[in-house]
Protein backbone atom coordinates (compact mmCIF):
# COMPACT_ATOMS: atom_id res chain seq x y z
CA MET A 1 19.76 -14.71 -45.53
CA SER A 2 20.72 -11.06 -45.39
CA ILE A 3 20.19 -8.88 -42.35
CA PHE A 4 17.51 -6.97 -44.23
CA ASN A 5 15.58 -10.18 -44.95
CA ILE A 6 15.82 -11.28 -41.31
CA PHE A 7 14.50 -7.87 -40.17
CA LYS A 8 11.74 -8.00 -42.78
CA LYS A 9 10.71 -11.50 -41.66
CA LYS A 10 10.56 -10.39 -38.00
CA GLN A 11 8.37 -7.42 -38.95
CA GLU A 12 6.02 -9.71 -40.89
CA GLU A 13 5.69 -12.05 -37.87
CA LYS A 14 4.96 -9.27 -35.39
CA PRO A 15 1.48 -8.26 -36.60
CA GLN A 16 0.29 -11.88 -36.35
CA ASN A 17 1.67 -12.11 -32.81
CA GLU A 18 -0.03 -8.83 -31.89
CA LYS A 19 -3.33 -10.15 -33.27
CA VAL A 20 -3.05 -13.22 -31.06
CA ILE A 21 -2.20 -11.07 -28.04
CA GLU A 22 -5.21 -8.84 -28.78
CA LYS A 23 -7.43 -11.92 -29.08
CA ASN A 24 -6.14 -13.18 -25.76
CA ILE A 25 -6.78 -9.83 -24.13
CA ASP A 26 -10.36 -10.05 -25.43
CA ASN A 27 -10.61 -13.54 -23.90
CA LEU A 28 -9.21 -12.22 -20.63
CA LYS A 29 -11.78 -9.41 -20.64
CA GLY A 30 -14.46 -12.07 -21.14
CA LEU A 31 -13.21 -13.95 -18.08
CA ILE A 32 -13.15 -10.70 -16.13
CA SER A 33 -16.81 -10.12 -17.03
CA LEU A 34 -17.73 -13.52 -15.56
CA ALA A 35 -15.73 -13.47 -12.34
CA LEU A 36 -15.73 -9.95 -10.93
CA LYS A 37 -18.25 -7.54 -9.51
CA ASP A 38 -18.72 -4.18 -11.22
CA GLU A 39 -16.08 -2.03 -9.49
CA ASP A 40 -13.29 -4.60 -9.87
CA LYS A 41 -14.50 -5.48 -13.36
CA ILE A 42 -14.01 -1.87 -14.48
CA LYS A 43 -10.59 -1.53 -12.81
CA MET A 44 -9.32 -4.80 -14.26
CA THR A 45 -10.72 -4.20 -17.75
CA ASN A 46 -9.14 -0.74 -17.92
CA PHE A 47 -5.81 -2.12 -16.76
CA VAL A 48 -5.84 -4.93 -19.34
CA GLU A 49 -6.84 -2.59 -22.17
CA ASN A 50 -3.92 -0.32 -21.29
CA LEU A 51 -1.47 -3.22 -21.54
CA LEU A 52 -1.62 -3.05 -25.32
CA ASN A 53 -0.64 0.62 -25.29
CA THR A 54 2.36 0.37 -22.98
CA ASP A 55 5.65 -1.45 -22.72
CA ASN A 56 4.81 -4.61 -20.88
CA ASP A 57 6.17 -8.06 -20.21
CA ILE A 58 3.77 -9.75 -22.61
CA GLU A 59 6.06 -10.92 -25.37
CA ASP A 60 3.96 -13.69 -26.80
CA GLU A 61 0.49 -15.10 -26.64
CA THR A 62 1.17 -17.46 -23.73
CA ASP A 63 2.31 -14.67 -21.39
CA ILE A 64 -1.09 -13.07 -20.84
CA LEU A 65 -2.13 -15.05 -17.74
CA ASN A 66 1.39 -15.23 -16.36
CA SER A 67 2.19 -11.56 -16.87
CA GLN A 68 3.87 -10.21 -13.76
CA GLU A 69 2.17 -6.87 -14.40
CA ILE A 70 -1.27 -8.53 -14.28
CA ILE A 71 -0.38 -10.61 -11.23
CA ASP A 72 0.99 -7.54 -9.40
CA PHE A 73 -2.12 -5.50 -10.26
CA ILE A 74 -4.43 -8.25 -9.01
CA TYR A 75 -2.55 -8.50 -5.71
CA ASP A 76 -2.07 -4.74 -5.24
CA GLU A 77 -5.74 -3.98 -5.89
CA GLU A 78 -6.99 -7.05 -3.97
CA ILE A 79 -8.88 -8.31 -6.99
CA TYR A 80 -9.87 -11.97 -6.88
CA LEU A 81 -9.89 -12.78 -10.58
CA PHE A 82 -7.47 -15.70 -10.45
CA GLY A 83 -5.88 -17.67 -7.70
CA PHE A 84 -2.38 -18.88 -8.55
CA PHE A 85 -1.21 -21.92 -6.62
CA ASP A 86 1.66 -24.32 -6.91
CA TRP A 87 0.45 -27.89 -6.45
CA ARG A 88 2.71 -28.24 -3.38
CA GLU A 89 1.47 -25.05 -1.74
CA GLU A 90 -0.28 -25.42 1.58
CA SER A 91 -3.99 -25.81 1.15
CA ILE A 92 -4.78 -23.18 3.82
CA GLU A 93 -3.76 -20.55 1.23
CA PHE A 94 -6.28 -22.10 -1.16
CA HIS A 95 -8.98 -21.98 1.51
CA ASP A 96 -8.26 -18.33 2.26
CA TYR A 97 -8.40 -17.42 -1.43
CA ILE A 98 -11.75 -19.22 -1.92
CA LYS A 99 -13.20 -17.56 1.16
CA SER A 100 -12.07 -14.06 0.08
CA ALA A 101 -13.13 -14.47 -3.57
CA LEU A 102 -16.58 -15.72 -2.55
CA LYS A 103 -17.13 -12.78 -0.24
CA LYS A 104 -15.80 -10.05 -2.54
CA ASN A 105 -17.11 -11.29 -5.91
CA PHE A 106 -20.37 -12.99 -4.95
CA GLN A 107 -21.21 -11.72 -1.44
CA LEU A 108 -21.27 -15.33 -0.25
CA GLU A 109 -19.66 -17.06 2.68
CA LEU A 110 -18.58 -20.65 3.05
CA LYS A 111 -21.33 -22.46 4.91
CA ASN A 112 -18.91 -25.12 6.03
CA GLU A 113 -15.65 -23.68 7.36
CA ASN A 114 -14.33 -27.22 7.81
CA ILE A 115 -14.82 -28.56 4.30
CA CYS A 116 -11.93 -30.95 4.77
CA ASP A 117 -8.95 -31.44 7.04
CA LEU A 118 -6.45 -29.16 5.36
CA ASP A 119 -3.62 -30.28 7.63
CA GLU A 120 -4.21 -33.91 6.74
CA LEU A 121 -4.61 -33.41 2.99
CA GLY A 122 -1.91 -30.77 2.75
CA SER A 123 -1.64 -29.93 -0.93
CA ILE A 124 -4.04 -28.12 -3.21
CA ASP A 125 -4.43 -30.92 -5.72
CA LEU A 126 -6.07 -33.02 -3.00
CA VAL A 127 -8.54 -30.38 -1.80
CA TYR A 128 -9.48 -28.97 -5.21
CA LYS A 129 -12.32 -31.40 -5.94
CA ILE A 130 -13.64 -31.34 -2.39
CA TYR A 131 -13.97 -27.56 -2.52
CA GLY A 132 -15.48 -27.77 -6.01
CA GLU A 133 -18.28 -29.99 -4.73
CA GLU A 134 -19.00 -27.67 -1.81
CA LEU A 135 -19.01 -24.54 -3.98
CA GLU A 136 -21.30 -26.14 -6.57
CA LYS A 137 -23.98 -26.42 -3.88
CA MET A 138 -23.70 -22.65 -3.43
CA GLY A 139 -24.21 -21.94 -7.14
CA ILE A 140 -20.50 -21.34 -7.79
CA THR A 141 -18.24 -23.37 -10.05
CA LEU A 142 -14.57 -23.83 -9.23
CA CYS A 143 -12.74 -23.68 -12.54
CA CYS A 144 -9.16 -23.98 -13.56
CA ILE A 145 -7.24 -22.74 -16.55
CA ASP A 146 -4.72 -25.42 -17.42
CA THR A 147 -1.62 -23.44 -18.36
CA LEU A 148 0.44 -26.58 -18.99
CA SER A 149 2.37 -26.19 -15.76
CA ASP A 150 2.31 -27.76 -12.33
CA SER A 151 0.46 -24.75 -10.97
CA TYR A 152 -3.23 -24.17 -10.53
CA THR A 153 -4.80 -21.03 -12.00
CA ILE A 154 -8.29 -21.10 -10.53
CA MET A 155 -11.39 -18.97 -10.95
CA LEU A 156 -14.79 -18.86 -9.34
CA ILE A 157 -17.83 -18.22 -11.53
CA LYS A 158 -21.57 -18.79 -11.31
CA ASN A 159 -22.64 -22.32 -12.26
CA SER A 160 -24.78 -20.94 -15.08
CA GLU A 161 -21.75 -19.25 -16.68
CA TYR A 162 -19.49 -22.28 -16.97
CA GLU A 163 -20.00 -22.66 -20.74
CA GLN A 164 -18.98 -19.01 -21.24
CA PHE A 165 -15.90 -19.58 -19.07
CA LYS A 166 -14.99 -22.66 -21.10
CA LYS A 167 -15.35 -20.73 -24.36
CA TYR A 168 -13.03 -17.93 -23.23
CA ALA A 169 -10.47 -20.18 -21.53
CA ASP A 170 -10.27 -22.63 -24.45
CA ASN A 171 -9.81 -19.73 -26.84
CA PHE A 172 -6.36 -18.98 -25.39
CA LEU A 173 -3.61 -20.58 -27.44
CA GLU A 174 -2.41 -23.75 -25.65
CA PHE A 175 -4.65 -23.30 -22.57
CA THR A 176 -7.72 -25.25 -21.58
CA GLY A 177 -10.52 -24.33 -19.23
CA LYS A 178 -11.45 -27.13 -16.87
CA HIS A 179 -14.28 -27.88 -14.48
CA TYR A 180 -13.27 -29.04 -11.01
CA THR A 181 -14.48 -32.55 -11.88
CA GLU A 182 -12.02 -32.92 -14.78
CA GLU A 183 -8.59 -34.50 -14.48
CA TRP A 184 -5.52 -32.39 -15.01
């Protein structure tokens, strides 16, 4: 194959990839609409929309949730859209994230500060379902986006919006939205 044909083939593939990235950005904006309060929703939506118009680290459709630019923005702006946790990470970090996300996004506080013995259970995979049950009583669903890794990408949404969450999360190529009761 000549160099011209290789270049031509790459150019033909690019628009399809951009369409998938645009679709995933639309899905991400849908998740933003479910999880964040108005001020953070506007900031995050504007940031995500600008990603398409700038040089960014999103090279393919699976990079959207793992984009370092998105992760940095979330942390810098103290936006609790996603919590990113390695399965071995200490569960106290998980607890702190849940507590902060509840307060900022839903103006709620954990009724039970001692949901489980975090020191005894240790890792996030063991406390995930216990927290899910507690949050459900408060009208909040603990969700996860399975990104096919050994990390947890969690979100908090209202119980009534779980089906919307599932629709957006499942619409990402290769990812699956999961309820806290589902196995990973």
